[in-house]
């Protein structure tokens, strides 16, 4: 929707900074907080006034073999997968989008240019999720940098189950990300 902005922080620092930026913005901003992060993720939050600019992504881990582009709680899934992959000698870069609208296209294209392999990770269903839009941006503007097809890891194309074991099977896991990343690196 033109004029509507969307953010989803993954850290306490970003939660405060993005909230302040959202309040001060002239346009309406949808601010999504992932309930899984409550009381699980700790971080330093300065007392002073600061904002995290809307539309600016952050590299949470540098790497050279592939890029994992994600946001919100999936940042931690990506970081855990990157740690597992590092044990095998695979260096994964993790890009936290922070803002879904506007997207930081420059950061997306820069990470693709650095690694030449992209894994898109999100909690939305695979079909119709933001990964499709990100894949389109990458294929239209960074195709010449790609050494492998863009891959997506997302939730299943089913209703969200409420039973914990079924929900765990529904959501992207570290194991699913690692498996997809290994296929991508071997391509």
N, C-alpha and C. Protein backbone atom coordinates (compact mmCIF):
# COMPACT_ATOMS: atom_id res chain seq x y z
N UNK A 1 0.85 -1.17 0.00
CA UNK A 1 0.00 0.00 0.00
C UNK A 1 0.89 1.24 0.00
N UNK A 2 0.79 2.08 -0.99
CA UNK A 2 1.64 3.28 -1.03
C UNK A 2 1.45 4.13 0.22
N UNK A 3 2.56 4.59 0.78
CA UNK A 3 2.52 5.43 1.96
C UNK A 3 2.52 4.68 3.27
N UNK A 4 2.30 3.39 3.24
CA UNK A 4 2.28 2.58 4.45
C UNK A 4 3.66 1.95 4.64
N UNK A 5 4.22 2.07 5.82
CA UNK A 5 5.53 1.51 6.12
C UNK A 5 5.37 0.38 7.11
N UNK A 6 6.32 -0.58 7.07
CA UNK A 6 6.26 -1.75 7.95
C UNK A 6 7.65 -2.06 8.49
N UNK A 7 7.72 -2.26 9.80
CA UNK A 7 8.99 -2.63 10.42
C UNK A 7 8.79 -3.83 11.35
N UNK A 8 9.89 -4.60 11.52
CA UNK A 8 9.87 -5.71 12.47
C UNK A 8 11.27 -5.85 13.07
N UNK A 9 11.46 -5.34 14.28
CA UNK A 9 12.79 -5.40 14.90
C UNK A 9 13.15 -6.80 15.38
N UNK A 10 14.47 -7.02 15.47
CA UNK A 10 14.95 -8.30 15.99
C UNK A 10 15.74 -8.13 17.28
N UNK A 11 16.10 -6.90 17.62
CA UNK A 11 16.89 -6.65 18.83
C UNK A 11 16.18 -5.61 19.69
N UNK A 12 16.55 -5.56 20.97
CA UNK A 12 15.98 -4.56 21.86
C UNK A 12 16.37 -3.16 21.41
N UNK A 13 17.60 -3.00 20.97
CA UNK A 13 18.07 -1.70 20.47
C UNK A 13 17.21 -1.24 19.30
N UNK A 14 16.98 -2.14 18.35
CA UNK A 14 16.16 -1.79 17.19
C UNK A 14 14.71 -1.57 17.58
N UNK A 15 14.21 -2.31 18.56
CA UNK A 15 12.81 -2.14 18.98
C UNK A 15 12.56 -0.71 19.43
N UNK A 16 13.44 -0.19 20.26
CA UNK A 16 13.28 1.19 20.73
C UNK A 16 13.50 2.18 19.59
N UNK A 17 14.58 2.00 18.85
CA UNK A 17 14.92 2.93 17.78
C UNK A 17 13.92 2.96 16.66
N UNK A 18 13.40 1.81 16.27
CA UNK A 18 12.38 1.76 15.21
C UNK A 18 11.04 2.30 15.70
N UNK A 19 10.71 2.06 16.98
CA UNK A 19 9.46 2.60 17.52
C UNK A 19 9.50 4.12 17.52
N UNK A 20 10.62 4.70 17.94
CA UNK A 20 10.74 6.16 17.93
C UNK A 20 10.66 6.69 16.50
N UNK A 21 11.32 6.02 15.58
CA UNK A 21 11.27 6.45 14.17
C UNK A 21 9.86 6.35 13.63
N UNK A 22 9.14 5.28 14.00
CA UNK A 22 7.77 5.09 13.53
C UNK A 22 6.85 6.20 14.06
N UNK A 23 7.00 6.53 15.32
CA UNK A 23 6.16 7.58 15.92
C UNK A 23 6.42 8.92 15.25
N UNK A 24 7.66 9.19 14.94
CA UNK A 24 8.04 10.50 14.37
C UNK A 24 7.80 10.59 12.87
N UNK A 25 7.53 9.48 12.22
CA UNK A 25 7.34 9.49 10.77
C UNK A 25 6.00 10.12 10.40
N UNK A 26 5.97 10.82 9.30
CA UNK A 26 4.73 11.46 8.84
C UNK A 26 3.74 10.46 8.25
N UNK A 27 4.24 9.32 7.80
CA UNK A 27 3.37 8.30 7.22
C UNK A 27 2.99 7.27 8.27
N UNK A 28 1.89 6.53 8.05
CA UNK A 28 1.55 5.46 8.99
C UNK A 28 2.57 4.32 8.92
N UNK A 29 2.94 3.80 10.09
CA UNK A 29 3.93 2.73 10.17
C UNK A 29 3.33 1.57 10.95
N UNK A 30 3.31 0.39 10.34
CA UNK A 30 2.91 -0.83 11.04
C UNK A 30 4.15 -1.36 11.74
N UNK A 31 4.04 -1.54 13.04
CA UNK A 31 5.18 -1.95 13.86
C UNK A 31 4.88 -3.33 14.41
N UNK A 32 5.63 -4.33 13.94
CA UNK A 32 5.39 -5.71 14.35
C UNK A 32 6.46 -6.15 15.34
N UNK A 33 6.04 -6.68 16.47
CA UNK A 33 6.95 -7.26 17.45
C UNK A 33 6.65 -8.75 17.53
N UNK A 34 7.68 -9.54 17.46
CA UNK A 34 7.50 -10.99 17.52
C UNK A 34 7.43 -11.42 18.98
N UNK A 35 6.34 -12.06 19.37
CA UNK A 35 6.16 -12.43 20.78
C UNK A 35 7.22 -13.43 21.25
N UNK A 36 7.81 -14.20 20.34
CA UNK A 36 8.84 -15.15 20.73
C UNK A 36 10.06 -14.45 21.34
N UNK A 37 10.30 -13.22 20.92
CA UNK A 37 11.47 -12.49 21.39
C UNK A 37 11.30 -11.92 22.80
N UNK A 38 10.06 -11.79 23.26
CA UNK A 38 9.83 -11.24 24.60
C UNK A 38 10.50 -12.12 25.64
N UNK A 39 11.25 -11.53 26.52
CA UNK A 39 11.92 -12.19 27.64
C UNK A 39 12.91 -13.28 27.21
N UNK A 40 13.21 -13.37 25.93
CA UNK A 40 14.20 -14.34 25.46
C UNK A 40 15.47 -13.65 24.98
N UNK A 41 15.30 -12.52 24.34
CA UNK A 41 16.43 -11.82 23.76
C UNK A 41 16.75 -10.61 24.64
N UNK A 42 17.98 -10.54 25.07
CA UNK A 42 18.43 -9.43 25.91
C UNK A 42 19.42 -8.59 25.11
N UNK A 43 19.45 -7.29 25.40
CA UNK A 43 20.40 -6.43 24.72
C UNK A 43 20.47 -5.07 25.38
N UNK A 44 21.53 -4.38 25.11
CA UNK A 44 21.72 -3.03 25.64
C UNK A 44 20.83 -2.05 24.90
N UNK A 45 20.16 -1.20 25.67
CA UNK A 45 19.33 -0.14 25.10
C UNK A 45 19.76 1.16 25.75
N UNK A 46 20.32 2.08 24.98
CA UNK A 46 20.76 3.35 25.56
C UNK A 46 19.59 4.14 26.15
N UNK A 47 19.87 4.86 27.23
CA UNK A 47 18.85 5.71 27.85
C UNK A 47 18.52 6.91 26.98
N UNK A 48 19.49 7.41 26.26
CA UNK A 48 19.32 8.63 25.47
C UNK A 48 18.39 8.45 24.29
N UNK A 49 18.16 9.57 23.63
CA UNK A 49 17.28 9.60 22.47
C UNK A 49 18.05 9.13 21.23
N UNK A 50 17.51 8.18 20.52
CA UNK A 50 18.08 7.75 19.25
C UNK A 50 16.96 7.13 18.42
N UNK A 51 17.16 7.08 17.13
CA UNK A 51 16.22 6.40 16.24
C UNK A 51 17.02 5.46 15.34
N UNK A 52 16.38 4.40 14.92
CA UNK A 52 16.91 3.53 13.89
C UNK A 52 16.16 3.91 12.62
N UNK A 53 16.86 4.38 11.60
CA UNK A 53 16.16 4.86 10.40
C UNK A 53 15.32 3.77 9.73
N UNK A 54 14.13 4.15 9.33
CA UNK A 54 13.27 3.23 8.59
C UNK A 54 13.91 2.97 7.22
N UNK A 55 13.84 1.74 6.78
CA UNK A 55 14.36 1.41 5.46
C UNK A 55 15.86 1.15 5.42
N UNK A 56 16.50 0.92 6.57
CA UNK A 56 17.93 0.64 6.61
C UNK A 56 18.15 -0.74 7.24
N UNK A 57 18.68 -1.66 6.46
CA UNK A 57 18.98 -3.01 6.94
C UNK A 57 20.29 -3.01 7.72
N UNK A 58 20.55 -4.10 8.44
CA UNK A 58 21.78 -4.23 9.21
C UNK A 58 22.39 -5.61 8.97
N UNK A 59 23.68 -5.64 8.73
CA UNK A 59 24.40 -6.91 8.61
C UNK A 59 24.67 -7.40 10.02
N UNK A 60 24.08 -8.53 10.40
CA UNK A 60 24.25 -9.09 11.74
C UNK A 60 25.45 -10.03 11.83
N UNK A 61 25.86 -10.56 10.69
CA UNK A 61 27.05 -11.42 10.64
C UNK A 61 27.62 -11.30 9.23
N UNK A 62 28.91 -11.07 9.14
CA UNK A 62 29.55 -10.97 7.84
C UNK A 62 29.93 -12.35 7.34
N UNK A 63 29.88 -12.53 6.04
CA UNK A 63 30.24 -13.80 5.43
C UNK A 63 30.57 -13.61 3.97
N UNK A 64 31.09 -14.66 3.36
CA UNK A 64 31.51 -14.56 1.96
C UNK A 64 30.94 -15.65 1.06
N UNK A 65 30.35 -16.70 1.64
CA UNK A 65 29.91 -17.84 0.84
C UNK A 65 28.44 -17.79 0.43
N UNK A 66 27.60 -17.22 1.26
CA UNK A 66 26.19 -17.04 0.93
C UNK A 66 25.59 -16.00 1.85
N UNK A 67 24.49 -15.43 1.40
CA UNK A 67 23.76 -14.44 2.20
C UNK A 67 22.44 -15.03 2.64
N UNK A 68 22.12 -14.86 3.92
CA UNK A 68 20.80 -15.20 4.43
C UNK A 68 20.11 -13.88 4.73
N UNK A 69 19.05 -13.61 4.01
CA UNK A 69 18.32 -12.35 4.17
C UNK A 69 17.04 -12.66 4.94
N UNK A 70 16.82 -11.96 6.05
CA UNK A 70 15.72 -12.27 6.94
C UNK A 70 15.34 -11.06 7.78
N UNK A 71 14.49 -11.27 8.78
CA UNK A 71 14.07 -10.19 9.67
C UNK A 71 13.37 -10.79 10.89
N UNK A 72 13.18 -9.98 11.93
CA UNK A 72 12.45 -10.41 13.12
C UNK A 72 13.11 -11.58 13.81
N UNK A 73 12.30 -12.48 14.35
CA UNK A 73 12.81 -13.62 15.10
C UNK A 73 13.65 -14.56 14.25
N UNK A 74 13.43 -14.57 12.96
CA UNK A 74 14.20 -15.45 12.08
C UNK A 74 15.66 -15.05 12.00
N UNK A 75 16.01 -13.84 12.44
CA UNK A 75 17.41 -13.44 12.49
C UNK A 75 18.19 -14.41 13.37
N UNK A 76 17.60 -14.83 14.48
CA UNK A 76 18.29 -15.73 15.41
C UNK A 76 18.38 -17.15 14.84
N UNK A 77 17.38 -17.56 14.08
CA UNK A 77 17.46 -18.84 13.37
C UNK A 77 18.60 -18.79 12.36
N UNK A 78 18.69 -17.68 11.64
CA UNK A 78 19.76 -17.51 10.64
C UNK A 78 21.13 -17.48 11.30
N UNK A 79 21.26 -16.78 12.44
CA UNK A 79 22.54 -16.71 13.13
C UNK A 79 22.97 -18.08 13.66
N UNK A 80 22.01 -18.85 14.19
CA UNK A 80 22.31 -20.20 14.65
C UNK A 80 22.74 -21.09 13.49
N UNK A 81 22.05 -20.96 12.36
CA UNK A 81 22.41 -21.74 11.17
C UNK A 81 23.80 -21.33 10.68
N UNK A 82 24.10 -20.05 10.71
CA UNK A 82 25.42 -19.56 10.28
C UNK A 82 26.52 -20.12 11.17
N UNK A 83 26.26 -20.24 12.46
CA UNK A 83 27.24 -20.82 13.38
C UNK A 83 27.47 -22.29 13.04
N UNK A 84 26.40 -23.03 12.77
CA UNK A 84 26.52 -24.44 12.38
C UNK A 84 27.30 -24.57 11.07
N UNK A 85 26.99 -23.70 10.11
CA UNK A 85 27.66 -23.75 8.82
C UNK A 85 29.14 -23.40 8.94
N UNK A 86 29.47 -22.49 9.85
CA UNK A 86 30.87 -22.09 10.04
C UNK A 86 31.74 -23.27 10.48
N UNK A 87 31.15 -24.21 11.22
CA UNK A 87 31.89 -25.40 11.64
C UNK A 87 32.31 -26.23 10.43
N UNK A 88 31.56 -26.09 9.32
CA UNK A 88 31.89 -26.80 8.07
C UNK A 88 32.73 -25.94 7.13
N UNK A 89 33.10 -24.74 7.59
CA UNK A 89 33.91 -23.86 6.76
C UNK A 89 33.11 -22.96 5.84
N UNK A 90 31.79 -22.91 6.01
CA UNK A 90 30.93 -22.06 5.18
C UNK A 90 30.64 -20.78 5.95
N UNK A 91 30.99 -19.65 5.35
CA UNK A 91 30.78 -18.35 5.99
C UNK A 91 29.51 -17.71 5.43
N UNK A 92 28.47 -17.67 6.25
CA UNK A 92 27.18 -17.10 5.84
C UNK A 92 27.04 -15.69 6.37
N UNK A 93 26.66 -14.79 5.50
CA UNK A 93 26.35 -13.42 5.91
C UNK A 93 24.87 -13.37 6.26
N UNK A 94 24.52 -12.70 7.36
CA UNK A 94 23.12 -12.57 7.77
C UNK A 94 22.73 -11.10 7.68
N UNK A 95 21.77 -10.81 6.81
CA UNK A 95 21.25 -9.46 6.64
C UNK A 95 19.88 -9.37 7.28
N UNK A 96 19.75 -8.49 8.26
CA UNK A 96 18.48 -8.23 8.96
C UNK A 96 17.83 -7.05 8.27
N UNK A 97 16.71 -7.28 7.60
CA UNK A 97 16.04 -6.20 6.86
C UNK A 97 15.52 -5.09 7.78
N UNK A 98 15.02 -5.43 8.95
CA UNK A 98 14.43 -4.50 9.92
C UNK A 98 13.19 -3.79 9.39
N UNK A 99 13.22 -3.27 8.18
CA UNK A 99 12.07 -2.62 7.55
C UNK A 99 11.65 -3.44 6.33
N UNK A 100 10.37 -3.75 6.25
CA UNK A 100 9.85 -4.48 5.10
C UNK A 100 9.30 -3.52 4.06
N UNK A 101 8.92 -2.35 4.50
CA UNK A 101 8.50 -1.28 3.59
C UNK A 101 8.84 0.04 4.28
N UNK A 102 9.78 0.77 3.77
CA UNK A 102 10.55 0.51 2.54
C UNK A 102 11.65 -0.51 2.78
N UNK A 103 11.98 -1.24 1.73
CA UNK A 103 13.09 -2.20 1.76
C UNK A 103 14.39 -1.47 1.48
N UNK A 104 15.46 -1.92 2.09
CA UNK A 104 16.78 -1.38 1.83
C UNK A 104 17.36 -2.13 0.63
N UNK A 105 16.97 -1.72 -0.56
CA UNK A 105 17.39 -2.40 -1.78
C UNK A 105 18.91 -2.38 -1.94
N UNK A 106 19.52 -1.27 -1.55
CA UNK A 106 20.98 -1.18 -1.68
C UNK A 106 21.67 -2.26 -0.85
N UNK A 107 21.24 -2.44 0.39
CA UNK A 107 21.85 -3.46 1.25
C UNK A 107 21.61 -4.86 0.69
N UNK A 108 20.42 -5.09 0.16
CA UNK A 108 20.11 -6.40 -0.44
C UNK A 108 21.04 -6.66 -1.62
N UNK A 109 21.17 -5.71 -2.51
CA UNK A 109 22.00 -5.89 -3.70
C UNK A 109 23.49 -5.98 -3.34
N UNK A 110 23.91 -5.26 -2.30
CA UNK A 110 25.31 -5.32 -1.87
C UNK A 110 25.66 -6.70 -1.31
N UNK A 111 24.76 -7.29 -0.52
CA UNK A 111 25.06 -8.62 0.04
C UNK A 111 25.07 -9.67 -1.07
N UNK A 112 24.21 -9.52 -2.06
CA UNK A 112 24.21 -10.45 -3.19
C UNK A 112 25.52 -10.34 -3.96
N UNK A 113 25.98 -9.11 -4.17
CA UNK A 113 27.23 -8.90 -4.90
C UNK A 113 28.42 -9.49 -4.13
N UNK A 114 28.37 -9.44 -2.80
CA UNK A 114 29.48 -9.96 -1.98
C UNK A 114 29.56 -11.48 -1.99
N UNK A 115 28.40 -12.14 -1.95
CA UNK A 115 28.41 -13.60 -1.74
C UNK A 115 27.99 -14.43 -2.96
N UNK A 116 27.22 -13.87 -3.85
CA UNK A 116 26.75 -14.54 -5.09
C UNK A 116 25.76 -15.67 -4.86
N UNK A 117 25.35 -15.90 -3.61
CA UNK A 117 24.36 -16.92 -3.30
C UNK A 117 23.42 -16.36 -2.24
N UNK A 118 22.12 -16.59 -2.42
CA UNK A 118 21.13 -15.96 -1.53
C UNK A 118 20.12 -16.98 -1.04
N UNK A 119 19.90 -16.96 0.26
CA UNK A 119 18.85 -17.74 0.90
C UNK A 119 17.91 -16.74 1.58
N UNK A 120 16.66 -16.76 1.22
CA UNK A 120 15.66 -15.87 1.80
C UNK A 120 14.91 -16.64 2.87
N UNK A 121 14.86 -16.08 4.08
CA UNK A 121 14.27 -16.78 5.22
C UNK A 121 13.21 -15.90 5.85
N UNK A 122 11.99 -16.43 5.96
CA UNK A 122 10.92 -15.70 6.65
C UNK A 122 9.90 -16.68 7.21
N UNK A 123 9.11 -16.18 8.16
CA UNK A 123 8.11 -17.02 8.81
C UNK A 123 6.79 -17.09 8.07
N UNK A 124 6.56 -16.19 7.15
CA UNK A 124 5.32 -16.23 6.38
C UNK A 124 5.31 -17.50 5.52
N UNK A 125 4.15 -17.85 5.05
CA UNK A 125 4.07 -19.02 4.16
C UNK A 125 4.94 -18.79 2.93
N UNK A 126 5.40 -19.87 2.35
CA UNK A 126 6.24 -19.78 1.17
C UNK A 126 5.52 -19.06 0.03
N UNK A 127 4.30 -19.50 -0.25
CA UNK A 127 3.53 -18.91 -1.34
C UNK A 127 2.93 -17.58 -0.89
N UNK A 128 3.27 -16.52 -1.59
CA UNK A 128 2.73 -15.20 -1.27
C UNK A 128 3.50 -14.46 -0.20
N UNK A 129 4.57 -15.04 0.30
CA UNK A 129 5.38 -14.37 1.33
C UNK A 129 6.31 -13.34 0.72
N UNK A 130 6.95 -12.56 1.57
CA UNK A 130 7.84 -11.50 1.12
C UNK A 130 9.05 -12.05 0.36
N UNK A 131 9.37 -13.31 0.57
CA UNK A 131 10.49 -13.92 -0.14
C UNK A 131 10.33 -13.84 -1.65
N UNK A 132 9.12 -13.95 -2.15
CA UNK A 132 8.88 -13.84 -3.59
C UNK A 132 9.23 -12.46 -4.11
N UNK A 133 8.89 -11.43 -3.36
CA UNK A 133 9.23 -10.05 -3.76
C UNK A 133 10.73 -9.83 -3.71
N UNK A 134 11.36 -10.33 -2.66
CA UNK A 134 12.81 -10.19 -2.55
C UNK A 134 13.52 -10.93 -3.70
N UNK A 135 13.03 -12.12 -4.03
CA UNK A 135 13.62 -12.87 -5.14
C UNK A 135 13.47 -12.11 -6.45
N UNK A 136 12.34 -11.45 -6.64
CA UNK A 136 12.12 -10.67 -7.86
C UNK A 136 13.09 -9.49 -7.92
N UNK A 137 13.27 -8.81 -6.81
CA UNK A 137 14.22 -7.68 -6.78
C UNK A 137 15.63 -8.16 -7.13
N UNK A 138 16.02 -9.28 -6.54
CA UNK A 138 17.36 -9.81 -6.78
C UNK A 138 17.51 -10.26 -8.23
N UNK A 139 16.51 -10.96 -8.78
CA UNK A 139 16.63 -11.44 -10.16
C UNK A 139 16.60 -10.29 -11.17
N UNK A 140 15.89 -9.21 -10.86
CA UNK A 140 15.82 -8.07 -11.77
C UNK A 140 17.06 -7.18 -11.71
N UNK A 141 17.65 -7.05 -10.52
CA UNK A 141 18.70 -6.05 -10.34
C UNK A 141 20.07 -6.62 -9.99
N UNK A 142 20.17 -7.93 -9.71
CA UNK A 142 21.46 -8.49 -9.32
C UNK A 142 21.70 -9.85 -9.96
N UNK A 143 21.01 -10.15 -11.04
CA UNK A 143 21.12 -11.46 -11.66
C UNK A 143 22.56 -11.79 -12.05
N UNK A 144 23.30 -10.78 -12.53
CA UNK A 144 24.66 -11.03 -12.98
C UNK A 144 25.61 -11.41 -11.85
N UNK A 145 25.23 -11.16 -10.61
CA UNK A 145 26.07 -11.53 -9.47
C UNK A 145 25.81 -12.96 -8.99
N UNK A 146 24.70 -13.56 -9.37
CA UNK A 146 24.30 -14.85 -8.84
C UNK A 146 25.09 -16.01 -9.46
N UNK A 147 25.58 -16.90 -8.59
CA UNK A 147 26.22 -18.14 -9.02
C UNK A 147 25.32 -19.34 -8.78
N UNK A 148 24.14 -19.11 -8.23
CA UNK A 148 23.19 -20.18 -7.92
C UNK A 148 21.79 -19.56 -7.88
N UNK A 149 20.76 -20.37 -8.01
CA UNK A 149 19.41 -19.81 -7.92
C UNK A 149 19.12 -19.29 -6.52
N UNK A 150 18.26 -18.30 -6.45
CA UNK A 150 17.81 -17.79 -5.16
C UNK A 150 16.95 -18.86 -4.51
N UNK A 151 17.21 -19.16 -3.24
CA UNK A 151 16.42 -20.18 -2.52
C UNK A 151 15.63 -19.51 -1.41
N UNK A 152 14.48 -20.10 -1.09
CA UNK A 152 13.64 -19.59 0.00
C UNK A 152 13.40 -20.69 1.02
N UNK A 153 13.44 -20.30 2.29
CA UNK A 153 13.02 -21.17 3.39
C UNK A 153 11.95 -20.40 4.12
N UNK A 154 10.78 -20.98 4.22
CA UNK A 154 9.64 -20.30 4.82
C UNK A 154 8.73 -21.33 5.48
N UNK A 155 7.64 -20.85 6.04
CA UNK A 155 6.68 -21.76 6.65
C UNK A 155 5.92 -22.53 5.57
N UNK A 156 5.32 -23.62 6.00
CA UNK A 156 4.56 -24.46 5.07
C UNK A 156 3.31 -23.74 4.58
N UNK A 157 2.84 -24.12 3.42
CA UNK A 157 1.62 -23.55 2.86
C UNK A 157 0.39 -24.23 3.46
N UNK A 158 0.24 -24.08 4.77
CA UNK A 158 -0.89 -24.65 5.50
C UNK A 158 -1.35 -23.64 6.54
N UNK A 159 -2.52 -23.84 7.13
CA UNK A 159 -2.89 -22.99 8.27
C UNK A 159 -1.89 -23.19 9.41
N UNK A 160 -1.72 -22.15 10.23
CA UNK A 160 -0.78 -22.23 11.35
C UNK A 160 -1.35 -23.18 12.40
N UNK A 161 -0.63 -24.25 12.73
CA UNK A 161 -1.12 -25.15 13.78
C UNK A 161 -0.82 -24.58 15.17
N UNK A 162 -1.61 -24.97 16.14
CA UNK A 162 -1.44 -24.44 17.49
C UNK A 162 -0.75 -25.42 18.43
N UNK A 163 -0.75 -26.68 18.11
CA UNK A 163 -0.05 -27.67 18.94
C UNK A 163 1.45 -27.43 18.78
N UNK A 164 2.20 -27.31 19.87
CA UNK A 164 3.63 -27.00 19.78
C UNK A 164 4.44 -27.90 18.84
N UNK A 165 4.25 -29.22 18.83
CA UNK A 165 5.04 -30.03 17.90
C UNK A 165 4.69 -29.74 16.43
N UNK A 166 3.42 -29.48 16.18
CA UNK A 166 3.01 -29.17 14.81
C UNK A 166 3.52 -27.79 14.39
N UNK A 167 3.48 -26.84 15.32
CA UNK A 167 3.99 -25.50 15.01
C UNK A 167 5.49 -25.56 14.72
N UNK A 168 6.22 -26.37 15.46
CA UNK A 168 7.66 -26.52 15.23
C UNK A 168 7.93 -27.09 13.83
N UNK A 169 7.07 -28.01 13.38
CA UNK A 169 7.22 -28.58 12.04
C UNK A 169 6.83 -27.57 10.96
N UNK A 170 5.92 -26.68 11.28
CA UNK A 170 5.41 -25.67 10.35
C UNK A 170 6.43 -24.57 10.09
N UNK A 171 7.13 -24.13 11.14
CA UNK A 171 8.03 -22.99 11.04
C UNK A 171 9.40 -23.38 10.49
N UNK A 172 10.10 -22.43 9.87
CA UNK A 172 11.47 -22.70 9.46
C UNK A 172 12.34 -22.99 10.68
N UNK A 173 13.20 -23.96 10.58
CA UNK A 173 14.08 -24.33 11.69
C UNK A 173 15.53 -24.15 11.27
N UNK A 174 16.41 -24.18 12.25
CA UNK A 174 17.85 -24.10 11.97
C UNK A 174 18.25 -25.24 11.03
N UNK A 175 17.73 -26.43 11.29
CA UNK A 175 18.08 -27.58 10.45
C UNK A 175 17.64 -27.37 9.00
N UNK A 176 16.46 -26.80 8.79
CA UNK A 176 15.98 -26.54 7.42
C UNK A 176 16.85 -25.49 6.73
N UNK A 177 17.25 -24.48 7.48
CA UNK A 177 18.11 -23.43 6.91
C UNK A 177 19.48 -24.00 6.56
N UNK A 178 20.04 -24.78 7.45
CA UNK A 178 21.35 -25.38 7.20
C UNK A 178 21.29 -26.30 5.98
N UNK A 179 20.26 -27.11 5.88
CA UNK A 179 20.11 -28.01 4.73
C UNK A 179 20.03 -27.22 3.42
N UNK A 180 19.21 -26.17 3.40
CA UNK A 180 19.07 -25.34 2.19
C UNK A 180 20.38 -24.63 1.87
N UNK A 181 21.07 -24.14 2.89
CA UNK A 181 22.33 -23.43 2.67
C UNK A 181 23.38 -24.37 2.10
N UNK A 182 23.43 -25.59 2.57
CA UNK A 182 24.41 -26.55 2.06
C UNK A 182 24.13 -26.86 0.59
N UNK A 183 22.87 -27.00 0.24
CA UNK A 183 22.50 -27.23 -1.18
C UNK A 183 22.93 -26.02 -2.02
N UNK A 184 22.70 -24.85 -1.49
CA UNK A 184 23.01 -23.62 -2.22
C UNK A 184 24.52 -23.48 -2.44
N UNK A 185 25.31 -23.77 -1.43
CA UNK A 185 26.76 -23.66 -1.55
C UNK A 185 27.31 -24.72 -2.50
N UNK A 186 26.69 -25.90 -2.51
CA UNK A 186 27.15 -26.99 -3.38
C UNK A 186 26.71 -26.83 -4.82
N UNK A 187 25.81 -25.91 -5.09
CA UNK A 187 25.26 -25.77 -6.45
C UNK A 187 26.34 -25.49 -7.46
